[in-house]
Amino acid sequence: MPVGNVWAWDSPFQLTPVTTHERQGVATHQMSFHSEAGTRLMLGACYDDDAPRIHELDYGTLVNRETVVIDIPKHAGEEIEPDDIDRAVVGDPDYRDGDAVLLRTGWGDDERYRTLGDEYATTTPHFSLDGAKRLAEVMTARGSDLMLTDCAYIGNLGEGFMFPEWASRKPWDRPPFPSPQARIYMRHYTPARGAGGGAPDWGSSVVLHLAMSPVAAVANCGALRSKRVRVSVLPLFLAGAEGAPCTVLAVDGDEAGDA
């Protein structure tokens, strides 16, 4: 989980010893972390109380999925726009109905998630609101319900409120959740400012969450050689959670057979 505590809702990874070999004869630990840290499967339940949560998923639909790899090269801070979707996705001859879609920008390669620190999150390529709407329209029409991307975040990167008010501050001036400062900020971060769908901060994220299950911050996609692969998304089983860290595996080349 290389991304630091960038946003006000982030909470640090903590591993606290409970018992030790020396004192109790067995080692156990208490672990805490943000439910959408690192590479993560995100669900419509983030925005819809009636949508399935992690423990309610049919995990068979996440294993060995037929997946098309589509390249939309982007540099730091660039947006995926409707024209990108029309050019790369709509016209892709390898895209079959029902496929999972892996959109590869190149951002998850070269281990920049280890070297850039917070800038991996704050300068990632991402979807514009119109780009997200166009992708949702195209994938829904094709019967596709799973989208993977090497963008660190899906949406607008808090450009209206969260970034200038919180993430742009020095790390020592934005102590991570559940600090009093983060709690106070989140208390005032209402839907009108953040995830309301029409506000500037995360509008494109809302669109894609409600249309499909996005998997963000997928790493090392450049290692894939084939246009068609089989992908398995294995989320941590967090009962009641709207999203969870996950491991993503891709079977590439001859091992994928007809895929």
Protein backbone atom coordinates (compact mmCIF):
# COMPACT_ATOMS: atom_id res chain seq x y z
CA MET A 1 0.00 0.00 0.00
CA PRO A 2 2.53 2.61 -1.17
CA VAL A 3 0.20 5.60 -1.31
CA GLY A 4 0.53 7.77 1.79
CA ASN A 5 -2.19 9.52 3.73
CA VAL A 6 -3.19 11.94 0.99
CA TRP A 7 -6.90 12.57 1.47
CA ALA A 8 -8.76 13.41 4.66
CA TRP A 9 -10.46 9.99 4.78
CA ASP A 10 -7.21 8.03 4.44
CA SER A 11 -6.06 6.20 7.54
CA PRO A 12 -2.56 4.78 8.03
CA PHE A 13 -1.66 1.13 7.90
CA GLN A 14 -0.96 -0.05 11.44
CA LEU A 15 0.25 -3.44 12.67
CA THR A 16 0.20 -3.68 16.46
CA PRO A 17 1.51 -6.72 18.39
CA VAL A 18 -1.09 -8.29 20.70
CA THR A 19 0.83 -11.36 21.88
CA THR A 20 4.45 -12.35 21.28
CA HIS A 21 6.47 -15.56 21.17
CA GLU A 22 8.55 -14.40 24.13
CA ARG A 23 5.69 -13.55 26.49
CA GLN A 24 2.70 -15.71 25.42
CA GLY A 25 4.28 -18.36 23.19
CA VAL A 26 2.32 -17.25 20.14
CA ALA A 27 2.49 -14.13 17.96
CA THR A 28 -0.73 -12.30 17.02
CA HIS A 29 -1.32 -8.81 15.69
CA GLN A 30 -4.09 -6.27 15.30
CA MET A 31 -4.16 -4.73 11.83
CA SER A 32 -5.95 -1.59 10.67
CA PHE A 33 -5.99 0.18 7.30
CA HIS A 34 -8.24 2.10 4.95
CA SER A 35 -10.79 -0.15 3.21
CA GLU A 36 -9.77 1.12 -0.26
CA ALA A 37 -5.99 1.21 0.12
CA GLY A 38 -3.64 0.31 -2.73
CA THR A 39 -5.05 -1.72 -5.63
CA ARG A 40 -8.73 -1.94 -4.77
CA LEU A 41 -12.10 -3.20 -5.92
CA MET A 42 -14.76 -0.52 -5.52
CA LEU A 43 -18.50 -1.09 -5.58
CA GLY A 44 -21.68 0.83 -6.30
CA ALA A 45 -22.44 0.52 -2.57
CA CYS A 46 -20.11 3.50 -2.09
CA TYR A 47 -22.99 5.62 -3.39
CA ASP A 48 -26.01 3.31 -3.28
CA ASP A 49 -27.21 1.77 0.00
CA ASP A 50 -29.08 -0.97 -1.89
CA ALA A 51 -26.07 -2.19 -3.90
CA PRO A 52 -24.20 -5.38 -2.89
CA ARG A 53 -21.26 -5.12 -0.52
CA ILE A 54 -18.04 -7.11 -0.46
CA HIS A 55 -19.46 -10.10 1.42
CA GLU A 56 -22.49 -10.27 -0.89
CA LEU A 57 -20.63 -10.59 -4.19
CA ASP A 58 -20.69 -13.61 -6.46
CA TYR A 59 -16.96 -14.22 -6.47
CA GLY A 60 -17.27 -16.55 -9.43
CA THR A 61 -17.83 -13.46 -11.58
CA LEU A 62 -14.43 -12.08 -10.54
CA VAL A 63 -12.31 -15.14 -11.33
CA ASN A 64 -10.81 -16.00 -14.73
CA ARG A 65 -12.68 -13.18 -16.45
CA GLU A 66 -12.27 -12.72 -20.18
CA THR A 67 -10.62 -9.31 -20.43
CA VAL A 68 -9.62 -6.99 -23.25
CA VAL A 69 -6.54 -4.80 -22.75
CA ILE A 70 -7.01 -1.33 -24.25
CA ASP A 71 -4.25 1.28 -24.33
CA ILE A 72 -5.04 4.94 -23.66
CA PRO A 73 -1.56 6.39 -22.96
CA LYS A 74 -1.64 9.31 -20.54
CA HIS A 75 0.92 11.36 -18.64
CA ALA A 76 0.72 12.92 -15.19
CA GLY A 77 -2.48 14.88 -14.61
CA GLU A 78 -4.01 14.12 -18.00
CA GLU A 79 -7.68 13.21 -18.31
CA ILE A 80 -9.34 10.37 -20.20
CA GLU A 81 -11.87 12.14 -22.41
CA PRO A 82 -14.85 10.99 -24.54
CA ASP A 83 -12.68 11.15 -27.68
CA ASP A 84 -10.27 8.68 -26.06
CA ILE A 85 -13.13 6.28 -25.37
CA ASP A 86 -14.51 6.58 -28.90
CA ARG A 87 -11.10 6.08 -30.48
CA ALA A 88 -9.68 3.31 -28.31
CA VAL A 89 -12.64 1.46 -26.81
CA VAL A 90 -15.53 1.74 -29.27
CA GLY A 91 -13.42 0.78 -32.25
CA ASP A 92 -11.34 -1.96 -30.64
CA PRO A 93 -11.81 -5.15 -32.72
CA ASP A 94 -10.76 -7.37 -29.80
CA TYR A 95 -13.49 -6.08 -27.46
CA ARG A 96 -16.24 -8.70 -27.09
CA ASP A 97 -19.61 -8.33 -25.41
CA GLY A 98 -19.43 -9.08 -21.68
CA ASP A 99 -15.67 -8.57 -21.43
CA ALA A 100 -13.98 -7.02 -18.47
CA VAL A 101 -12.02 -4.01 -19.71
CA LEU A 102 -8.47 -3.13 -18.64
CA LEU A 103 -7.66 0.47 -19.58
CA ARG A 104 -3.87 0.85 -19.58
CA THR A 105 -2.42 4.36 -19.40
CA GLY A 106 1.10 3.37 -18.34
CA TRP A 107 0.84 5.09 -14.96
CA GLY A 108 1.14 1.85 -12.98
CA ASP A 109 4.45 0.83 -14.61
CA ASP A 110 8.08 1.47 -13.63
CA GLU A 111 7.21 1.22 -9.93
CA ARG A 112 6.36 4.93 -9.79
CA TYR A 113 3.86 3.97 -7.07
CA ARG A 114 6.94 3.38 -4.89
CA THR A 115 9.04 6.35 -5.98
CA LEU A 116 6.59 9.27 -6.34
CA GLY A 117 5.07 9.18 -2.87
CA ASP A 118 1.94 11.32 -2.60
CA GLU A 119 2.36 12.52 -6.20
CA TYR A 120 1.46 9.04 -7.41
CA ALA A 121 -2.03 9.81 -6.09
CA THR A 122 -2.28 13.54 -6.68
CA THR A 123 -0.90 13.65 -10.25
CA THR A 124 -2.34 10.42 -11.64
CA PRO A 125 -4.16 10.38 -14.98
CA HIS A 126 -7.89 10.10 -14.36
CA PHE A 127 -11.30 10.25 -16.01
CA SER A 128 -12.99 13.51 -16.84
CA LEU A 129 -16.69 13.57 -16.00
CA ASP A 130 -17.64 13.37 -19.68
CA GLY A 131 -15.07 10.63 -20.28
CA ALA A 132 -16.53 8.58 -17.43
CA LYS A 133 -20.05 9.05 -18.78
CA ARG A 134 -18.97 7.92 -22.24
CA LEU A 135 -17.18 4.83 -20.90
CA ALA A 136 -20.19 3.90 -18.76
CA GLU A 137 -22.45 4.26 -21.79
CA VAL A 138 -20.24 2.09 -24.01
CA MET A 139 -19.57 -0.64 -21.43
CA THR A 140 -23.22 -0.86 -20.36
CA ALA A 141 -24.27 -1.30 -23.98
CA ARG A 142 -21.73 -4.12 -24.35
CA GLY A 143 -22.81 -5.89 -21.16
CA SER A 144 -19.50 -5.23 -19.38
CA ASP A 145 -19.59 -4.77 -15.61
CA LEU A 146 -15.90 -4.81 -14.57
CA MET A 147 -13.35 -2.13 -15.47
CA LEU A 148 -9.71 -2.16 -14.38
CA THR A 149 -7.28 0.72 -14.74
CA ASP A 150 -3.74 1.59 -13.72
CA CYS A 151 -4.87 5.11 -12.80
CA ALA A 152 -4.31 5.56 -9.07
CA TYR A 153 -7.76 7.17 -8.75
CA ILE A 154 -10.83 7.19 -10.98
CA GLY A 155 -12.16 10.67 -10.54
CA ASN A 156 -11.45 14.34 -10.41
CA LEU A 157 -8.82 14.23 -7.64
CA GLY A 158 -10.64 16.58 -5.32
CA GLU A 159 -9.80 19.52 -7.53
CA GLY A 160 -12.72 21.61 -6.28
CA PHE A 161 -12.30 21.26 -2.52
CA MET A 162 -10.38 18.26 -1.15
CA PHE A 163 -7.08 18.95 -2.90
CA PRO A 164 -6.70 22.70 -2.29
CA GLU A 165 -8.10 22.52 1.23
CA TRP A 166 -6.41 19.32 2.44
CA ALA A 167 -4.13 17.31 0.15
CA SER A 168 -2.04 20.29 -0.96
CA ARG A 169 -0.96 20.99 2.62
CA LYS A 170 2.31 19.69 4.01
CA PRO A 171 2.09 16.15 5.46
CA TRP A 172 2.56 17.41 9.02
CA ASP A 173 -0.33 19.82 8.50
CA ARG A 174 -2.82 17.11 7.48
CA PRO A 175 -2.65 14.38 10.14
CA PRO A 176 -4.41 11.22 8.91
CA PHE A 177 -7.82 9.98 9.95
CA PRO A 178 -8.96 9.52 12.71
CA SER A 179 -7.18 12.68 13.85
CA PRO A 180 -9.41 15.49 15.18
CA GLN A 181 -8.43 17.63 12.18
CA ALA A 182 -9.46 14.95 9.65
CA ARG A 183 -12.70 14.27 11.51
CA ILE A 184 -13.59 17.96 11.51
CA TYR A 185 -12.81 18.31 7.82
CA MET A 186 -14.86 15.25 6.87
CA ARG A 187 -17.78 16.52 8.97
CA HIS A 188 -17.96 19.50 6.60
CA TYR A 189 -17.21 17.55 3.42
CA THR A 190 -20.85 17.15 2.39
CA PRO A 191 -22.22 15.71 -0.88
CA ALA A 192 -22.50 19.22 -2.29
CA ARG A 193 -18.70 19.50 -2.02
CA GLY A 194 -17.53 15.98 -2.76
CA ALA A 195 -19.33 12.90 -3.98
CA GLY A 196 -22.70 14.31 -4.84
CA GLY A 197 -22.38 13.55 -8.53
CA GLY A 198 -22.66 17.14 -9.68
CA ALA A 199 -19.91 18.67 -7.56
CA PRO A 200 -16.41 18.99 -9.03
CA ASP A 201 -14.48 16.68 -6.71
CA TRP A 202 -15.50 13.11 -7.58
CA GLY A 203 -18.26 13.32 -10.17
CA SER A 204 -16.64 10.90 -12.62
CA SER A 205 -16.03 8.41 -9.83
CA VAL A 206 -19.75 8.38 -9.01
CA VAL A 207 -20.67 7.70 -12.64
CA LEU A 208 -18.39 4.68 -12.97
CA HIS A 209 -19.19 3.21 -9.54
CA LEU A 210 -22.90 3.16 -10.33
CA ALA A 211 -22.42 1.62 -13.80
CA MET A 212 -19.84 -1.06 -13.01
CA SER A 213 -17.26 -2.28 -10.49
CA PRO A 214 -14.02 -0.30 -11.00
CA VAL A 215 -10.63 -1.65 -9.94
CA ALA A 216 -8.11 1.17 -9.59
CA ALA A 217 -4.34 1.39 -9.08
CA VAL A 218 -3.54 -1.84 -10.93
CA ALA A 219 0.24 -2.12 -11.25
CA ASN A 220 2.68 -3.44 -13.86
CA CYS A 221 0.13 -3.71 -16.67
CA GLY A 222 2.91 -3.06 -19.17
CA ALA A 223 4.08 -6.63 -18.62
CA LEU A 224 1.01 -7.93 -20.46
CA ARG A 225 1.83 -8.87 -24.05
CA SER A 226 -1.60 -9.92 -25.32
CA LYS A 227 -4.67 -7.94 -26.25
CA ARG A 228 -6.85 -10.55 -24.57
CA VAL A 229 -6.08 -12.02 -21.14
CA ARG A 230 -7.93 -13.69 -18.30
CA VAL A 231 -8.06 -11.69 -15.09
CA SER A 232 -8.95 -12.65 -11.51
CA VAL A 233 -9.76 -9.97 -8.94
CA LEU A 234 -9.37 -11.27 -5.38
CA PRO A 235 -10.61 -8.75 -2.79
CA LEU A 236 -9.92 -8.97 0.91
CA PHE A 237 -13.12 -10.31 2.49
CA LEU A 238 -14.27 -7.29 4.51
CA ALA A 239 -17.85 -8.03 5.56
CA GLY A 240 -20.09 -5.00 5.14
CA ALA A 241 -17.48 -2.95 3.24
CA GLU A 242 -18.23 -0.94 0.09
CA GLY A 243 -14.77 -1.70 -1.31
CA ALA A 244 -11.62 -3.59 -0.40
CA PRO A 245 -7.94 -3.94 -1.26
CA CYS A 246 -7.47 -6.71 -3.78
CA THR A 247 -4.92 -8.81 -5.60
CA VAL A 248 -5.23 -8.82 -9.39
CA LEU A 249 -3.82 -11.69 -11.43
CA ALA A 250 -3.68 -11.86 -15.23
CA VAL A 251 -3.05 -14.99 -17.31
CA ASP A 252 -1.28 -13.78 -20.45
CA GLY A 253 -0.13 -15.21 -23.76
CA ASP A 254 -0.29 -18.92 -24.54
CA GLU A 255 -1.31 -19.78 -20.97
CA ALA A 256 -4.59 -17.95 -21.57
CA GLY A 257 -5.50 -20.29 -24.41
CA ASP A 258 -8.31 -18.90 -26.54
CA ALA A 259 -8.45 -15.80 -24.28
